[in-house]
Amino acid sequence: MSLREFDFLVDGEPRRISAEVRDGSLVVREAGRVLETEARWIAPNEIRFRVEGRPVKAWLVRDGERTYVAVDGREFVVAEFQPGSVRPGEADEKGAETGWRVKAPMPGKVTKIAVAAGDEVHKNQTLIIVEAMKMENEIKTAVDGIVAKVHVAVGDRVDAERPLIEIAKKSSSS
């Protein structure tokens, strides 16, 4: 395989890597770093790597244009780079003129809701926990405000980009 270059987002950060298969190994280069690894598919959504002699498993779930990757207890959202993209996983978006809609960053199951309608919330506060790929993902808000509506219940299965919670802007007199 010849050297190939890729531009994509990892957790919203633009990255450029080059990759090539050489003598049964995968050689990946990014920002001056070189990683040579053996890689083998062991299931349709699971890859086993050997990195610096250490075995590492990665789980991948494809959802539309995004791929969710879990490695060593860390999760990453990978998508093709498109200028002006929002950071996947920070899924707050303007809803109505007065507030924000928090969306699921990946498909999964709601295991905990930490807020209720009427609660005041602050930037980076955990709102909800969604289990995906055998891991719990804390969904946090990117804004201060008041919870206007909770669209899901514990136990609900959600798709990526499904609205979970609406947050109203705090009035300036508060």
Protein backbone atom coordinates (compact mmCIF):
# COMPACT_ATOMS: atom_id res chain seq x y z
CA MET A 1 0.00 0.00 0.00
CA SER A 2 1.29 3.42 -0.80
CA LEU A 3 1.37 6.26 1.68
CA ARG A 4 -2.09 7.81 2.13
CA GLU A 5 -2.98 11.05 3.90
CA PHE A 6 -6.22 11.74 5.75
CA ASP A 7 -7.81 14.92 7.14
CA PHE A 8 -10.41 14.36 9.85
CA LEU A 9 -11.65 15.51 13.25
CA VAL A 10 -10.86 13.66 16.47
CA ASP A 11 -13.12 14.98 19.23
CA GLY A 12 -13.57 18.13 17.18
CA GLU A 13 -9.88 18.84 16.67
CA PRO A 14 -8.64 18.82 13.06
CA ARG A 15 -5.94 16.21 12.45
CA ARG A 16 -3.89 15.13 9.46
CA ILE A 17 -2.26 11.74 9.47
CA SER A 18 -0.48 9.62 6.97
CA ALA A 19 -0.74 5.86 7.03
CA GLU A 20 0.95 3.04 5.20
CA VAL A 21 1.07 -0.72 5.48
CA ARG A 22 4.65 -1.94 5.54
CA ASP A 23 5.73 -5.56 6.09
CA GLY A 24 2.45 -6.47 7.82
CA SER A 25 2.56 -3.45 10.13
CA LEU A 26 0.61 -0.23 10.05
CA VAL A 27 2.80 2.89 10.20
CA VAL A 28 0.94 6.06 11.21
CA ARG A 29 2.47 9.55 11.27
CA GLU A 30 0.91 12.62 12.84
CA ALA A 31 2.54 15.94 13.76
CA GLY A 32 6.05 14.49 13.79
CA ARG A 33 5.08 11.38 15.77
CA VAL A 34 5.48 7.93 14.25
CA LEU A 35 3.59 4.89 15.50
CA GLU A 36 4.28 1.45 14.09
CA THR A 37 1.81 -1.21 15.11
CA GLU A 38 0.42 -4.59 14.18
CA ALA A 39 -3.34 -4.49 13.67
CA ARG A 40 -5.84 -7.32 13.32
CA TRP A 41 -9.63 -7.34 13.13
CA ILE A 42 -10.99 -9.79 15.73
CA ALA A 43 -14.68 -8.96 15.30
CA PRO A 44 -16.68 -6.73 12.93
CA ASN A 45 -16.30 -3.73 15.26
CA GLU A 46 -13.19 -4.70 17.26
CA ILE A 47 -9.51 -4.35 16.35
CA ARG A 48 -6.52 -5.65 18.30
CA PHE A 49 -3.28 -3.65 18.07
CA ARG A 50 0.16 -4.34 19.44
CA VAL A 51 1.71 -0.98 20.29
CA GLU A 52 5.27 -0.96 21.66
CA GLY A 53 4.80 -4.61 22.63
CA ARG A 54 1.56 -3.94 24.55
CA PRO A 55 -1.78 -5.37 23.34
CA VAL A 56 -4.51 -2.77 22.86
CA LYS A 57 -8.13 -3.32 21.81
CA ALA A 58 -10.24 -0.72 20.03
CA TRP A 59 -14.00 -0.83 19.52
CA LEU A 60 -15.54 1.09 16.63
CA VAL A 61 -19.15 2.05 15.97
CA ARG A 62 -20.08 3.81 12.75
CA ASP A 63 -23.05 6.19 12.83
CA GLY A 64 -23.58 8.11 9.63
CA GLU A 65 -20.54 10.28 8.99
CA ARG A 66 -19.09 9.71 12.46
CA THR A 67 -17.15 6.81 13.91
CA TYR A 68 -17.03 6.35 17.68
CA VAL A 69 -13.83 4.72 18.91
CA ALA A 70 -13.15 3.39 22.43
CA VAL A 71 -9.54 2.58 23.37
CA ASP A 72 -8.12 1.98 26.86
CA GLY A 73 -11.12 3.55 28.60
CA ARG A 74 -11.07 6.66 26.42
CA GLU A 75 -13.59 7.51 23.72
CA PHE A 76 -13.04 9.48 20.55
CA VAL A 77 -15.40 10.76 17.91
CA VAL A 78 -13.84 10.66 14.45
CA ALA A 79 -15.38 12.40 11.44
CA GLU A 80 -14.23 13.70 8.09
CA PHE A 81 -12.92 17.23 8.49
CA GLN A 82 -15.30 19.91 7.25
CA PRO A 83 -14.39 23.55 7.90
CA GLY A 84 -16.85 25.14 10.33
CA SER A 85 -17.80 21.82 11.96
CA VAL A 86 -18.82 21.86 15.60
CA ARG A 87 -16.97 19.64 18.01
CA PRO A 88 -18.68 16.24 18.03
CA GLY A 89 -19.67 15.33 21.55
CA GLU A 90 -20.34 18.92 22.44
CA ALA A 91 -23.74 18.67 20.95
CA ASP A 92 -25.37 21.86 22.20
CA GLU A 93 -26.96 23.79 19.40
CA LYS A 94 -29.17 26.82 19.22
CA GLY A 95 -32.75 25.68 19.48
CA ALA A 96 -35.20 28.50 19.66
CA GLU A 97 -34.29 32.17 20.02
CA THR A 98 -34.28 31.72 23.78
CA GLY A 99 -32.25 28.58 24.34
CA TRP A 100 -30.14 25.57 23.46
CA ARG A 101 -30.80 21.94 22.59
CA VAL A 102 -28.41 19.30 23.96
CA LYS A 103 -28.15 16.31 21.61
CA ALA A 104 -26.80 12.80 22.03
CA PRO A 105 -23.25 12.66 20.62
CA MET A 106 -23.58 8.94 19.81
CA PRO A 107 -26.15 6.17 19.89
CA GLY A 108 -26.66 4.54 23.27
CA LYS A 109 -28.91 4.01 26.29
CA VAL A 110 -29.80 6.69 28.85
CA THR A 111 -28.64 5.40 32.26
CA LYS A 112 -28.95 8.56 34.40
CA ILE A 113 -30.55 11.99 34.20
CA ALA A 114 -28.89 14.44 36.60
CA VAL A 115 -31.25 17.40 36.10
CA ALA A 116 -34.96 18.14 35.88
CA ALA A 117 -37.05 20.83 34.22
CA GLY A 118 -36.59 24.09 36.10
CA ASP A 119 -33.07 23.31 37.37
CA GLU A 120 -30.37 25.94 36.93
CA VAL A 121 -27.31 24.55 35.11
CA HIS A 122 -23.79 25.85 34.54
CA LYS A 123 -21.32 25.37 31.73
CA ASN A 124 -19.59 21.93 31.88
CA GLN A 125 -22.21 20.52 34.28
CA THR A 126 -23.20 16.90 33.68
CA LEU A 127 -26.81 16.69 32.49
CA ILE A 128 -27.24 13.09 31.47
CA ILE A 129 -25.28 9.85 31.15
CA VAL A 130 -25.56 7.71 28.02
CA GLU A 131 -24.02 4.24 27.91
CA ALA A 132 -22.43 3.34 24.58
CA MET A 133 -19.78 0.79 23.63
CA LYS A 134 -19.74 -0.57 27.22
CA MET A 135 -18.79 2.88 28.57
CA GLU A 136 -20.69 5.62 30.38
CA ASN A 137 -20.55 9.00 28.62
CA GLU A 138 -21.27 12.15 30.58
CA ILE A 139 -23.18 14.63 28.43
CA LYS A 140 -22.42 18.13 29.67
CA THR A 141 -23.79 21.52 28.77
CA ALA A 142 -21.74 24.17 27.02
CA VAL A 143 -23.87 27.02 28.40
CA ASP A 144 -25.34 28.42 31.62
CA GLY A 145 -29.14 28.38 31.79
CA ILE A 146 -32.32 26.78 33.08
CA VAL A 147 -33.48 23.30 32.04
CA ALA A 148 -36.62 23.96 29.98
CA LYS A 149 -37.45 20.38 28.98
CA VAL A 150 -36.08 16.85 29.32
CA HIS A 151 -36.93 14.81 26.20
CA VAL A 152 -35.80 11.36 27.41
CA ALA A 153 -36.15 8.99 30.37
CA VAL A 154 -33.75 6.53 31.99
CA GLY A 155 -33.73 3.37 29.90
CA ASP A 156 -34.46 5.12 26.58
CA ARG A 157 -32.34 4.15 23.59
CA VAL A 158 -31.16 7.23 21.69
CA ASP A 159 -29.64 7.80 18.28
CA ALA A 160 -26.82 10.23 17.62
CA GLU A 161 -28.06 13.81 17.32
CA ARG A 162 -31.34 13.07 19.14
CA PRO A 163 -32.35 16.03 21.33
CA LEU A 164 -32.01 15.09 25.00
CA ILE A 165 -32.54 18.30 26.93
CA GLU A 166 -33.48 21.92 26.16
CA ILE A 167 -31.84 24.70 28.10
CA ALA A 168 -33.31 28.20 28.25
CA LYS A 169 -31.06 31.21 28.55
CA LYS A 170 -30.99 32.78 31.98
CA SER A 171 -32.70 36.14 32.02
CA SER A 172 -30.29 39.04 32.51
CA SER A 173 -32.11 40.04 35.73
CA SER A 174 -31.14 36.71 37.42
